Amino acid sequence: MSRSDTLTGMSEHATPDHPTLASFAQPKSAAARAALSLATQYHSPTMVNHVLRSWLWAEAFAIVEQRTDVDHELLYVAAVLHDIGLVAEFDNVLRSYEESGGHVAVALTRGAGWDEHRGQRALEVIVRHNWPAVDPDIDIEGYLLEIATGLDISGARPDALPETFIREVLDAYPRLDLAQEFGTGVVDQAARKPHTAAHRLVEGGVVRKLADNPLG
């Protein structure tokens, strides 16, 4: 899928003021199907819900901010795989969990027919989602995933998306044990790899932010 000026699966009823869950259809490409299959196999239901919410928040932010130059397949694959490096099977003894997960995305997308450049973009987007901030003029997909995960994990910008849309997404993909599961995972990563972004997240109070997240 090349870059598009329209939102993937955007319904005629979706407007910058009123995205709905029905506004977005999950991509059906080989890479997208493989990413969801991998995430579903290795992640818990809690974490599957988290990555899918992250994709939906990212797409909704694209609507409300009127971001049009978005590679939606890339955004979906990166969102679905952005935390795969937390699971034991893909953990790396030295590399950060987001970098480890990015390399999983490279392997998966290469097998699905993506070229080297586009596979590298999947790695970049996943790595950058853990940056303190991403310049949308440099990496729009990285920016959207960073602010989406900021909302889902830390509760950043809770009023930026319509309340009705947020409730609809949470009903479809409940948070379950996210605070406990993600908190435990990132604390473990920080302890074993203090040179990585996980340590910055823990030092920045991510465990408290998870507990206090206004999404619940």
N, C-alpha and C. Protein backbone atom coordinates (compact mmCIF):
# COMPACT_ATOMS: atom_id res chain seq x y z
N MET A 1 0.85 -1.18 0.00
CA MET A 1 0.00 0.00 0.00
C MET A 1 0.89 1.23 0.00
N SER A 2 0.69 2.11 -0.91
CA SER A 2 1.45 3.35 -0.97
C SER A 2 0.78 4.39 -0.09
N ARG A 3 1.45 5.54 0.05
CA ARG A 3 0.85 6.61 0.81
C ARG A 3 -0.44 7.06 0.15
N SER A 4 -1.39 7.46 1.01
CA SER A 4 -2.70 7.83 0.51
C SER A 4 -3.14 9.13 1.16
N ASP A 5 -3.95 9.88 0.42
CA ASP A 5 -4.50 11.11 0.98
C ASP A 5 -5.82 10.88 1.69
N THR A 6 -6.26 9.64 1.77
CA THR A 6 -7.49 9.31 2.48
C THR A 6 -7.17 8.33 3.58
N LEU A 7 -8.03 8.27 4.59
CA LEU A 7 -7.82 7.37 5.70
C LEU A 7 -8.32 5.98 5.35
N THR A 8 -7.54 4.97 5.67
CA THR A 8 -7.92 3.60 5.40
C THR A 8 -9.24 3.28 6.07
N GLY A 9 -10.20 2.84 5.28
CA GLY A 9 -11.47 2.41 5.84
C GLY A 9 -12.31 3.53 6.41
N MET A 10 -12.00 4.78 6.13
CA MET A 10 -12.75 5.89 6.70
C MET A 10 -14.15 5.92 6.12
N SER A 11 -15.16 5.93 6.97
CA SER A 11 -16.54 5.93 6.50
C SER A 11 -16.97 7.32 6.11
N GLU A 12 -18.06 7.38 5.37
CA GLU A 12 -18.57 8.68 4.94
C GLU A 12 -19.08 9.51 6.11
N HIS A 13 -19.30 8.85 7.27
CA HIS A 13 -19.81 9.55 8.43
C HIS A 13 -18.71 10.08 9.34
N ALA A 14 -17.46 9.73 9.05
CA ALA A 14 -16.36 10.20 9.88
C ALA A 14 -15.96 11.61 9.46
N THR A 15 -15.84 12.49 10.42
CA THR A 15 -15.42 13.85 10.18
C THR A 15 -14.32 14.19 11.18
N PRO A 16 -13.61 15.29 10.99
CA PRO A 16 -12.60 15.66 11.99
C PRO A 16 -13.16 15.79 13.39
N ASP A 17 -14.46 16.05 13.52
CA ASP A 17 -15.07 16.19 14.84
C ASP A 17 -15.65 14.89 15.36
N HIS A 18 -15.81 13.89 14.49
CA HIS A 18 -16.59 12.73 14.91
C HIS A 18 -16.08 11.43 14.30
N PRO A 19 -14.83 11.01 14.60
CA PRO A 19 -14.43 9.65 14.21
C PRO A 19 -15.20 8.63 15.03
N THR A 20 -15.50 7.51 14.45
CA THR A 20 -16.16 6.42 15.15
C THR A 20 -15.36 5.14 14.94
N LEU A 21 -15.66 4.12 15.71
CA LEU A 21 -14.96 2.85 15.55
C LEU A 21 -15.14 2.31 14.13
N ALA A 22 -16.34 2.52 13.59
CA ALA A 22 -16.61 2.05 12.23
C ALA A 22 -15.87 2.85 11.17
N SER A 23 -15.23 3.95 11.58
CA SER A 23 -14.48 4.76 10.62
C SER A 23 -13.25 4.04 10.09
N PHE A 24 -12.79 3.01 10.80
CA PHE A 24 -11.49 2.42 10.49
C PHE A 24 -11.62 0.92 10.25
N ALA A 25 -11.06 0.48 9.16
CA ALA A 25 -11.00 -0.95 8.84
C ALA A 25 -9.55 -1.41 8.92
N GLN A 26 -9.33 -2.53 9.59
CA GLN A 26 -7.97 -3.04 9.67
C GLN A 26 -7.50 -3.44 8.27
N PRO A 27 -6.29 -3.06 7.88
CA PRO A 27 -5.78 -3.44 6.56
C PRO A 27 -5.78 -4.96 6.40
N LYS A 28 -5.96 -5.40 5.18
CA LYS A 28 -6.04 -6.84 4.88
C LYS A 28 -4.83 -7.35 4.11
N SER A 29 -3.77 -6.56 4.03
CA SER A 29 -2.58 -6.99 3.32
C SER A 29 -1.91 -8.16 4.03
N ALA A 30 -0.98 -8.80 3.34
CA ALA A 30 -0.26 -9.93 3.93
C ALA A 30 0.50 -9.50 5.18
N ALA A 31 1.14 -8.34 5.12
CA ALA A 31 1.91 -7.87 6.28
C ALA A 31 1.00 -7.56 7.45
N ALA A 32 -0.13 -6.94 7.19
CA ALA A 32 -1.06 -6.60 8.27
C ALA A 32 -1.64 -7.86 8.91
N ARG A 33 -2.02 -8.82 8.10
CA ARG A 33 -2.57 -10.07 8.64
C ARG A 33 -1.52 -10.82 9.46
N ALA A 34 -0.30 -10.84 8.95
CA ALA A 34 0.79 -11.53 9.66
C ALA A 34 1.10 -10.84 10.98
N ALA A 35 1.11 -9.52 10.99
CA ALA A 35 1.40 -8.79 12.22
C ALA A 35 0.36 -9.09 13.29
N LEU A 36 -0.91 -9.06 12.92
CA LEU A 36 -1.96 -9.34 13.90
C LEU A 36 -1.89 -10.79 14.37
N SER A 37 -1.61 -11.71 13.46
CA SER A 37 -1.49 -13.12 13.84
C SER A 37 -0.34 -13.30 14.84
N LEU A 38 0.79 -12.66 14.58
CA LEU A 38 1.94 -12.78 15.47
C LEU A 38 1.62 -12.18 16.84
N ALA A 39 1.03 -10.99 16.84
CA ALA A 39 0.69 -10.34 18.10
C ALA A 39 -0.30 -11.18 18.90
N THR A 40 -1.28 -11.74 18.22
CA THR A 40 -2.29 -12.55 18.90
C THR A 40 -1.69 -13.83 19.47
N GLN A 41 -0.72 -14.40 18.77
CA GLN A 41 -0.08 -15.63 19.25
C GLN A 41 0.79 -15.37 20.48
N TYR A 42 1.52 -14.27 20.50
CA TYR A 42 2.54 -14.07 21.53
C TYR A 42 2.12 -13.11 22.65
N HIS A 43 1.21 -12.21 22.37
CA HIS A 43 0.75 -11.28 23.39
C HIS A 43 -0.43 -11.86 24.17
N SER A 44 -0.60 -11.38 25.38
CA SER A 44 -1.81 -11.67 26.14
C SER A 44 -2.99 -10.90 25.55
N PRO A 45 -4.24 -11.27 25.89
CA PRO A 45 -5.38 -10.47 25.43
C PRO A 45 -5.28 -9.01 25.85
N THR A 46 -4.73 -8.76 27.03
CA THR A 46 -4.55 -7.37 27.47
C THR A 46 -3.67 -6.59 26.51
N MET A 47 -2.56 -7.17 26.12
CA MET A 47 -1.62 -6.46 25.26
C MET A 47 -2.12 -6.40 23.81
N VAL A 48 -2.86 -7.41 23.36
CA VAL A 48 -3.47 -7.31 22.03
C VAL A 48 -4.43 -6.12 21.99
N ASN A 49 -5.24 -5.99 23.03
CA ASN A 49 -6.15 -4.84 23.09
C ASN A 49 -5.38 -3.53 23.09
N HIS A 50 -4.27 -3.50 23.82
CA HIS A 50 -3.46 -2.28 23.88
C HIS A 50 -2.94 -1.89 22.51
N VAL A 51 -2.38 -2.84 21.76
CA VAL A 51 -1.80 -2.47 20.47
C VAL A 51 -2.88 -2.06 19.48
N LEU A 52 -4.05 -2.69 19.55
CA LEU A 52 -5.13 -2.30 18.65
C LEU A 52 -5.71 -0.95 19.03
N ARG A 53 -5.84 -0.68 20.33
CA ARG A 53 -6.26 0.67 20.73
C ARG A 53 -5.24 1.70 20.25
N SER A 54 -3.96 1.38 20.36
CA SER A 54 -2.93 2.32 19.94
C SER A 54 -3.08 2.65 18.45
N TRP A 55 -3.38 1.64 17.65
CA TRP A 55 -3.62 1.89 16.22
C TRP A 55 -4.83 2.80 16.03
N LEU A 56 -5.90 2.51 16.74
CA LEU A 56 -7.12 3.31 16.59
C LEU A 56 -6.91 4.75 17.06
N TRP A 57 -6.23 4.92 18.20
CA TRP A 57 -5.93 6.30 18.65
C TRP A 57 -5.10 7.02 17.59
N ALA A 58 -4.10 6.34 17.03
CA ALA A 58 -3.23 6.97 16.02
C ALA A 58 -4.04 7.41 14.82
N GLU A 59 -4.92 6.56 14.34
CA GLU A 59 -5.74 6.92 13.18
C GLU A 59 -6.70 8.07 13.53
N ALA A 60 -7.24 8.05 14.74
CA ALA A 60 -8.14 9.13 15.15
C ALA A 60 -7.40 10.45 15.28
N PHE A 61 -6.18 10.41 15.82
CA PHE A 61 -5.38 11.63 15.87
C PHE A 61 -5.12 12.17 14.46
N ALA A 62 -4.90 11.26 13.50
CA ALA A 62 -4.70 11.70 12.12
C ALA A 62 -5.92 12.46 11.61
N ILE A 63 -7.11 12.01 12.00
CA ILE A 63 -8.34 12.70 11.59
C ILE A 63 -8.45 14.07 12.25
N VAL A 64 -8.36 14.10 13.57
CA VAL A 64 -8.63 15.36 14.27
C VAL A 64 -7.56 16.40 13.99
N GLU A 65 -6.35 15.96 13.67
CA GLU A 65 -5.28 16.89 13.32
C GLU A 65 -5.17 17.11 11.81
N GLN A 66 -6.05 16.45 11.06
CA GLN A 66 -6.10 16.58 9.60
C GLN A 66 -4.75 16.24 8.96
N ARG A 67 -4.19 15.13 9.43
CA ARG A 67 -2.94 14.61 8.86
C ARG A 67 -3.31 13.67 7.71
N THR A 68 -2.92 14.00 6.51
CA THR A 68 -3.35 13.22 5.35
C THR A 68 -2.25 12.36 4.74
N ASP A 69 -1.01 12.76 4.88
CA ASP A 69 0.08 12.05 4.20
C ASP A 69 0.57 10.90 5.07
N VAL A 70 -0.29 9.91 5.25
CA VAL A 70 -0.02 8.81 6.18
C VAL A 70 -0.02 7.49 5.42
N ASP A 71 0.99 6.68 5.67
CA ASP A 71 1.03 5.31 5.15
C ASP A 71 0.30 4.44 6.17
N HIS A 72 -0.95 4.13 5.90
CA HIS A 72 -1.81 3.48 6.90
C HIS A 72 -1.44 2.02 7.15
N GLU A 73 -0.96 1.35 6.14
CA GLU A 73 -0.51 -0.03 6.35
C GLU A 73 0.71 -0.05 7.25
N LEU A 74 1.66 0.84 6.99
CA LEU A 74 2.85 0.95 7.84
C LEU A 74 2.45 1.29 9.27
N LEU A 75 1.55 2.25 9.44
CA LEU A 75 1.12 2.64 10.77
C LEU A 75 0.48 1.47 11.50
N TYR A 76 -0.35 0.71 10.81
CA TYR A 76 -1.02 -0.44 11.43
C TYR A 76 0.00 -1.49 11.86
N VAL A 77 0.88 -1.88 10.96
CA VAL A 77 1.86 -2.93 11.28
C VAL A 77 2.74 -2.49 12.45
N ALA A 78 3.19 -1.25 12.43
CA ALA A 78 4.03 -0.75 13.52
C ALA A 78 3.26 -0.72 14.84
N ALA A 79 2.02 -0.28 14.80
CA ALA A 79 1.22 -0.25 16.03
C ALA A 79 1.02 -1.64 16.60
N VAL A 80 0.69 -2.59 15.76
CA VAL A 80 0.39 -3.94 16.22
C VAL A 80 1.64 -4.62 16.77
N LEU A 81 2.81 -4.28 16.25
CA LEU A 81 4.05 -4.94 16.68
C LEU A 81 4.90 -4.09 17.63
N HIS A 82 4.41 -2.93 18.05
CA HIS A 82 5.32 -2.00 18.74
C HIS A 82 5.79 -2.51 20.10
N ASP A 83 5.07 -3.44 20.72
CA ASP A 83 5.49 -3.97 22.02
C ASP A 83 5.87 -5.45 21.96
N ILE A 84 6.04 -6.00 20.77
CA ILE A 84 6.33 -7.44 20.66
C ILE A 84 7.68 -7.77 21.29
N GLY A 85 8.57 -6.77 21.40
CA GLY A 85 9.87 -7.00 22.03
C GLY A 85 9.79 -7.20 23.52
N LEU A 86 8.62 -6.98 24.13
CA LEU A 86 8.46 -7.25 25.56
C LEU A 86 8.27 -8.73 25.86
N VAL A 87 7.82 -9.52 24.89
CA VAL A 87 7.55 -10.92 25.18
C VAL A 87 8.85 -11.71 25.21
N ALA A 88 8.87 -12.76 25.99
CA ALA A 88 10.12 -13.49 26.23
C ALA A 88 10.75 -14.01 24.94
N GLU A 89 9.91 -14.46 24.01
CA GLU A 89 10.43 -15.07 22.80
C GLU A 89 11.19 -14.08 21.92
N PHE A 90 10.91 -12.79 22.05
CA PHE A 90 11.57 -11.78 21.22
C PHE A 90 12.40 -10.80 22.03
N ASP A 91 12.57 -11.07 23.30
CA ASP A 91 13.40 -10.22 24.14
C ASP A 91 14.85 -10.32 23.67
N ASN A 92 15.57 -9.23 23.82
CA ASN A 92 16.98 -9.18 23.42
C ASN A 92 17.81 -8.83 24.64
N VAL A 93 18.92 -9.49 24.81
CA VAL A 93 19.69 -9.32 26.03
C VAL A 93 20.26 -7.91 26.17
N LEU A 94 20.50 -7.22 25.05
CA LEU A 94 21.12 -5.90 25.09
C LEU A 94 20.23 -4.80 24.53
N ARG A 95 19.51 -5.07 23.46
CA ARG A 95 18.77 -4.03 22.77
C ARG A 95 17.48 -3.69 23.50
N SER A 96 17.03 -2.47 23.32
CA SER A 96 15.77 -2.04 23.91
C SER A 96 14.62 -2.86 23.34
N TYR A 97 13.53 -2.93 24.10
CA TYR A 97 12.41 -3.74 23.62
C TYR A 97 11.80 -3.17 22.34
N GLU A 98 11.81 -1.84 22.18
CA GLU A 98 11.25 -1.27 20.97
C GLU A 98 12.15 -1.54 19.76
N GLU A 99 13.46 -1.55 19.96
CA GLU A 99 14.36 -1.88 18.86
C GLU A 99 14.25 -3.35 18.50
N SER A 100 14.18 -4.21 19.51
CA SER A 100 13.99 -5.63 19.26
C SER A 100 12.70 -5.87 18.47
N GLY A 101 11.62 -5.22 18.91
CA GLY A 101 10.36 -5.36 18.20
C GLY A 101 10.41 -4.81 16.80
N GLY A 102 11.17 -3.73 16.61
CA GLY A 102 11.32 -3.18 15.27
C GLY A 102 11.99 -4.15 14.31
N HIS A 103 12.95 -4.90 14.81
CA HIS A 103 13.62 -5.88 13.95
C HIS A 103 12.70 -7.07 13.66
N VAL A 104 11.82 -7.41 14.58
CA VAL A 104 10.79 -8.41 14.27
C VAL A 104 9.94 -7.91 13.11
N ALA A 105 9.58 -6.63 13.15
CA ALA A 105 8.78 -6.06 12.06
C ALA A 105 9.53 -6.07 10.74
N VAL A 106 10.83 -5.83 10.77
CA VAL A 106 11.63 -5.90 9.55
C VAL A 106 11.53 -7.30 8.95
N ALA A 107 11.75 -8.33 9.77
CA ALA A 107 11.71 -9.71 9.27
C ALA A 107 10.32 -10.06 8.75
N LEU A 108 9.29 -9.68 9.50
CA LEU A 108 7.93 -10.02 9.08
C LEU A 108 7.56 -9.33 7.78
N THR A 109 7.86 -8.06 7.66
CA THR A 109 7.45 -7.33 6.46
C THR A 109 8.27 -7.73 5.25
N ARG A 110 9.53 -8.07 5.46
CA ARG A 110 10.33 -8.55 4.33
C ARG A 110 9.72 -9.84 3.77
N GLY A 111 9.29 -10.72 4.67
CA GLY A 111 8.63 -11.95 4.22
C GLY A 111 7.32 -11.69 3.51
N ALA A 112 6.68 -10.56 3.85
CA ALA A 112 5.42 -10.20 3.21
C ALA A 112 5.61 -9.41 1.93
N GLY A 113 6.87 -9.21 1.52
CA GLY A 113 7.13 -8.57 0.24
C GLY A 113 7.52 -7.12 0.29
N TRP A 114 7.66 -6.54 1.49
CA TRP A 114 8.11 -5.15 1.56
C TRP A 114 9.59 -5.07 1.17
N ASP A 115 9.97 -3.95 0.59
CA ASP A 115 11.38 -3.77 0.26
C ASP A 115 12.17 -3.33 1.48
N GLU A 116 13.48 -3.21 1.31
CA GLU A 116 14.35 -2.90 2.45
C GLU A 116 14.01 -1.56 3.07
N HIS A 117 13.73 -0.55 2.24
CA HIS A 117 13.44 0.79 2.76
C HIS A 117 12.17 0.77 3.60
N ARG A 118 11.12 0.13 3.11
CA ARG A 118 9.86 0.15 3.84
C ARG A 118 9.96 -0.67 5.13
N GLY A 119 10.70 -1.76 5.08
CA GLY A 119 10.92 -2.52 6.30
C GLY A 119 11.69 -1.70 7.33
N GLN A 120 12.66 -0.93 6.87
CA GLN A 120 13.40 -0.04 7.78
C GLN A 120 12.48 1.00 8.38
N ARG A 121 11.49 1.46 7.61
CA ARG A 121 10.54 2.42 8.14
C ARG A 121 9.73 1.81 9.29
N ALA A 122 9.38 0.54 9.19
CA ALA A 122 8.66 -0.11 10.29
C ALA A 122 9.52 -0.09 11.55
N LEU A 123 10.80 -0.39 11.41
CA LEU A 123 11.73 -0.33 12.54
C LEU A 123 11.79 1.07 13.12
N GLU A 124 11.91 2.09 12.26
CA GLU A 124 12.01 3.47 12.74
C GLU A 124 10.76 3.89 13.50
N VAL A 125 9.60 3.57 12.97
CA VAL A 125 8.35 3.99 13.62
C VAL A 125 8.24 3.34 14.99
N ILE A 126 8.56 2.06 15.09
CA ILE A 126 8.46 1.36 16.37
C ILE A 126 9.47 1.91 17.37
N VAL A 127 10.70 2.14 16.94
CA VAL A 127 11.70 2.71 17.84
C VAL A 127 11.28 4.10 18.29
N ARG A 128 10.79 4.91 17.39
CA ARG A 128 10.48 6.30 17.71
C ARG A 128 9.23 6.45 18.58
N HIS A 129 8.40 5.41 18.64
CA HIS A 129 7.21 5.56 19.49
C HIS A 129 7.60 5.76 20.95
N ASN A 130 8.82 5.37 21.31
CA ASN A 130 9.29 5.55 22.69
C ASN A 130 10.13 6.81 22.87
N TRP A 131 10.26 7.60 21.84
CA TRP A 131 10.94 8.89 22.00
C TRP A 131 10.08 9.82 22.84
N PRO A 132 10.68 10.79 23.53
CA PRO A 132 9.87 11.78 24.26
C PRO A 132 8.94 12.56 23.35
N ALA A 133 9.35 12.78 22.10
CA ALA A 133 8.51 13.46 21.12
C ALA A 133 9.06 13.14 19.73
N VAL A 134 8.18 13.13 18.74
CA VAL A 134 8.56 12.88 17.35
C VAL A 134 8.05 14.04 16.51
N ASP A 135 8.91 14.57 15.66
CA ASP A 135 8.52 15.66 14.77
C ASP A 135 7.68 15.09 13.63
N PRO A 136 6.41 15.49 13.49
CA PRO A 136 5.59 14.94 12.42
C PRO A 136 6.10 15.28 11.02
N ASP A 137 6.90 16.33 10.89
CA ASP A 137 7.47 16.67 9.59
C ASP A 137 8.60 15.72 9.20
N ILE A 138 9.13 15.02 10.18
CA ILE A 138 10.20 14.05 9.93
C ILE A 138 9.64 12.64 9.77
N ASP A 139 8.66 12.28 10.62
CA ASP A 139 8.11 10.92 10.62
C ASP A 139 6.67 10.99 11.11
N ILE A 140 5.72 11.10 10.18
CA ILE A 140 4.33 11.25 10.58
C ILE A 140 3.80 10.00 11.25
N GLU A 141 4.17 8.81 10.77
CA GLU A 141 3.70 7.58 11.40
C GLU A 141 4.30 7.41 12.78
N GLY A 142 5.60 7.74 12.93
CA GLY A 142 6.22 7.69 14.25
C GLY A 142 5.58 8.67 15.21
N TYR A 143 5.25 9.85 14.72
CA TYR A 143 4.57 10.85 15.54
C TYR A 143 3.20 10.34 16.00
N LEU A 144 2.42 9.81 15.08
CA LEU A 144 1.07 9.35 15.43
C LEU A 144 1.13 8.19 16.43
N LEU A 145 2.08 7.27 16.25
CA LEU A 145 2.17 6.15 17.20
C LEU A 145 2.67 6.63 18.55
N GLU A 146 3.57 7.60 18.56
CA GLU A 146 4.07 8.13 19.84
C GLU A 146 2.97 8.80 20.64
N ILE A 147 2.15 9.63 20.01
CA ILE A 147 1.09 10.29 20.77
C ILE A 147 -0.03 9.32 21.12
N ALA A 148 -0.25 8.31 20.27
CA ALA A 148 -1.28 7.31 20.56
C ALA A 148 -0.91 6.46 21.77
N THR A 149 0.33 6.00 21.81
CA THR A 149 0.76 5.21 22.96
C THR A 149 0.90 6.08 24.20
N GLY A 150 1.23 7.36 24.00
CA GLY A 150 1.25 8.28 25.14
C GLY A 150 -0.12 8.38 25.79
N LEU A 151 -1.16 8.39 24.99
CA LEU A 151 -2.52 8.40 25.53
C LEU A 151 -2.83 7.08 26.22
N ASP A 152 -2.54 5.97 25.57
CA ASP A 152 -2.96 4.68 26.12
C ASP A 152 -2.18 4.27 27.35
N ILE A 153 -0.91 4.65 27.42
CA ILE A 153 -0.08 4.26 28.56
C ILE A 153 -0.07 5.33 29.65
N SER A 154 0.24 6.56 29.27
CA SER A 154 0.46 7.61 30.26
C SER A 154 -0.73 8.54 30.45
N GLY A 155 -1.74 8.40 29.61
CA GLY A 155 -2.91 9.27 29.74
C GLY A 155 -2.68 10.66 29.18
N ALA A 156 -1.71 10.82 28.28
CA ALA A 156 -1.42 12.13 27.71
C ALA A 156 -2.52 12.54 26.74
N ARG A 157 -2.88 13.81 26.77
CA ARG A 157 -3.86 14.40 25.86
C ARG A 157 -5.20 13.66 25.88
N PRO A 158 -5.78 13.40 27.03
CA PRO A 158 -7.02 12.61 27.09
C PRO A 158 -8.22 13.32 26.48
N ASP A 159 -8.15 14.64 26.34
CA ASP A 159 -9.28 15.38 25.79
C ASP A 159 -9.13 15.68 24.30
N ALA A 160 -8.09 15.15 23.68
CA ALA A 160 -7.84 15.47 22.27
C ALA A 160 -8.76 14.72 21.32
N LEU A 161 -9.29 13.59 21.76
CA LEU A 161 -10.19 12.80 20.93
C LEU A 161 -11.60 12.85 21.51
N PRO A 162 -12.61 12.71 20.67
CA PRO A 162 -13.99 12.78 21.17
C PRO A 162 -14.27 11.71 22.22
N GLU A 163 -14.95 12.11 23.28
CA GLU A 163 -15.26 11.19 24.38
C GLU A 163 -16.07 9.99 23.90
N THR A 164 -17.00 10.22 22.97
CA THR A 164 -17.82 9.10 22.49
C THR A 164 -16.96 8.07 21.77
N PHE A 165 -15.97 8.52 21.01
CA PHE A 165 -15.07 7.60 20.33
C PHE A 165 -14.22 6.83 21.32
N ILE A 166 -13.69 7.52 22.31
CA ILE A 166 -12.86 6.86 23.32
C ILE A 166 -13.66 5.77 24.03
N ARG A 167 -14.88 6.06 24.42
CA ARG A 167 -15.71 5.07 25.11
C ARG A 167 -16.01 3.89 24.21
N GLU A 168 -16.26 4.16 22.93
CA GLU A 168 -16.55 3.09 21.98
C GLU A 168 -15.36 2.15 21.83
N VAL A 169 -14.17 2.72 21.72
CA VAL A 169 -12.96 1.90 21.59
C VAL A 169 -12.70 1.10 22.87
N LEU A 170 -12.87 1.73 24.03
CA LEU A 170 -12.63 1.03 25.29
C LEU A 170 -13.64 -0.08 25.51
N ASP A 171 -14.86 0.09 25.04
CA ASP A 171 -15.85 -0.99 25.14
C ASP A 171 -15.47 -2.17 24.26
N ALA A 172 -14.94 -1.88 23.08
CA ALA A 172 -14.57 -2.94 22.15
C ALA A 172 -13.26 -3.61 22.53
N TYR A 173 -12.32 -2.81 23.06
CA TYR A 173 -10.99 -3.31 23.40
C TYR A 173 -10.65 -2.86 24.82
N PRO A 174 -11.23 -3.50 25.85
CA PRO A 174 -11.03 -3.05 27.24
C PRO A 174 -9.58 -3.15 27.68
N ARG A 175 -9.24 -2.35 28.69
CA ARG A 175 -7.86 -2.26 29.15
C ARG A 175 -7.42 -3.47 29.97
N LEU A 176 -8.35 -4.18 30.56
CA LEU A 176 -8.06 -5.41 31.30
C LEU A 176 -6.95 -5.14 32.32
N ASP A 177 -5.83 -5.87 32.24
CA ASP A 177 -4.75 -5.75 33.23
C ASP A 177 -3.56 -4.96 32.70
N LEU A 178 -3.81 -3.94 31.88
CA LEU A 178 -2.71 -3.24 31.23
C LEU A 178 -1.74 -2.62 32.23
N ALA A 179 -2.25 -1.97 33.27
CA ALA A 179 -1.35 -1.31 34.22
C ALA A 179 -0.38 -2.32 34.83
N GLN A 180 -0.87 -3.47 35.21
CA GLN A 180 -0.02 -4.47 35.84
C GLN A 180 0.92 -5.11 34.81
N GLU A 181 0.39 -5.52 33.66
CA GLU A 181 1.20 -6.25 32.68
C GLU A 181 2.27 -5.36 32.06
N PHE A 182 1.88 -4.21 31.56
CA PHE A 182 2.87 -3.35 30.94
C PHE A 182 3.84 -2.79 31.98
N GLY A 183 3.31 -2.42 33.14
CA GLY A 183 4.18 -1.90 34.19
C GLY A 183 5.24 -2.90 34.59
N THR A 184 4.84 -4.14 34.80
CA THR A 184 5.80 -5.18 35.17
C THR A 184 6.83 -5.38 34.07
N GLY A 185 6.36 -5.41 32.82
CA GLY A 185 7.27 -5.64 31.70
C GLY A 185 8.30 -4.55 31.54
N VAL A 186 7.88 -3.31 31.64
CA VAL A 186 8.81 -2.21 31.41
C VAL A 186 9.76 -2.03 32.60
N VAL A 187 9.30 -2.31 33.81
CA VAL A 187 10.19 -2.26 34.97
C VAL A 187 11.27 -3.33 34.85
N ASP A 188 10.89 -4.51 34.40
CA ASP A 188 11.88 -5.58 34.19
C ASP A 188 12.90 -5.17 33.13
N GLN A 189 12.42 -4.59 32.03
CA GLN A 189 13.33 -4.13 30.98
C GLN A 189 14.30 -3.07 31.51
N ALA A 190 13.78 -2.14 32.30
CA ALA A 190 14.61 -1.06 32.83
C ALA A 190 15.69 -1.60 33.75
N ALA A 191 15.34 -2.60 34.56
CA ALA A 191 16.30 -3.17 35.49
C ALA A 191 17.41 -3.92 34.75
N ARG A 192 17.06 -4.64 33.72
CA ARG A 192 18.04 -5.44 32.98
C ARG A 192 18.80 -4.63 31.94
N LYS A 193 18.19 -3.55 31.46
CA LYS A 193 18.80 -2.76 30.39
C LYS A 193 18.67 -1.28 30.74
N PRO A 194 19.43 -0.82 31.71
CA PRO A 194 19.28 0.57 32.17
C PRO A 194 19.71 1.61 31.14
N HIS A 195 20.32 1.18 30.06
CA HIS A 195 20.75 2.10 29.01
C HIS A 195 19.65 2.37 27.99
N THR A 196 18.48 1.77 28.17
CA THR A 196 17.43 1.86 27.16
C THR A 196 16.32 2.81 27.59
N ALA A 197 15.38 3.03 26.66
CA ALA A 197 14.25 3.93 26.92
C ALA A 197 13.38 3.44 28.06
N ALA A 198 13.35 2.14 28.31
CA ALA A 198 12.55 1.62 29.42
C ALA A 198 12.94 2.26 30.74
N HIS A 199 14.22 2.47 30.93
CA HIS A 199 14.69 3.09 32.18
C HIS A 199 14.17 4.53 32.28
N ARG A 200 14.20 5.26 31.18
CA ARG A 200 13.67 6.62 31.18
C ARG A 200 12.17 6.62 31.51
N LEU A 201 11.44 5.66 30.95
CA LEU A 201 10.00 5.58 31.22
C LEU A 201 9.73 5.33 32.70
N VAL A 202 10.49 4.40 33.28
CA VAL A 202 10.29 4.08 34.69
C VAL A 202 10.67 5.29 35.55
N GLU A 203 11.81 5.91 35.25
CA GLU A 203 12.22 7.09 36.01
C GLU A 203 11.21 8.23 35.87
N GLY A 204 10.53 8.25 34.74
CA GLY A 204 9.52 9.28 34.49
C GLY A 204 8.16 8.99 35.11
N GLY A 205 8.06 7.88 35.84
CA GLY A 205 6.82 7.59 36.56
C GLY A 205 5.77 6.84 35.78
N VAL A 206 6.20 6.00 34.84
CA VAL A 206 5.21 5.32 33.99
C VAL A 206 4.28 4.41 34.79
N VAL A 207 4.77 3.81 35.87
CA VAL A 207 3.91 2.94 36.67
C VAL A 207 2.79 3.75 37.31
N ARG A 208 3.13 4.90 37.85
CA ARG A 208 2.10 5.78 38.43
C ARG A 208 1.15 6.29 37.35
N LYS A 209 1.69 6.65 36.20
CA LYS A 209 0.85 7.16 35.12
C LYS A 209 -0.13 6.10 34.63
N LEU A 210 0.32 4.86 34.57
CA LEU A 210 -0.58 3.76 34.20
C LEU A 210 -1.73 3.65 35.19
N ALA A 211 -1.40 3.73 36.47
CA ALA A 211 -2.43 3.61 37.51
C ALA A 211 -3.40 4.77 37.48
N ASP A 212 -2.90 5.96 37.13
CA ASP A 212 -3.72 7.17 37.16
C ASP A 212 -4.34 7.50 35.80
N ASN A 213 -4.13 6.67 34.80
CA ASN A 213 -4.59 6.96 33.44
C ASN A 213 -6.11 7.23 33.44
N PRO A 214 -6.55 8.35 32.92
CA PRO A 214 -7.99 8.66 32.94
C PRO A 214 -8.82 7.73 32.07
N LEU A 215 -8.17 6.95 31.21
CA LEU A 215 -8.93 5.97 30.42
C LEU A 215 -9.41 4.79 31.28
N GLY A 216 -8.82 4.67 32.47
CA GLY A 216 -9.26 3.58 33.36
C GLY A 216 -8.19 2.55 33.59
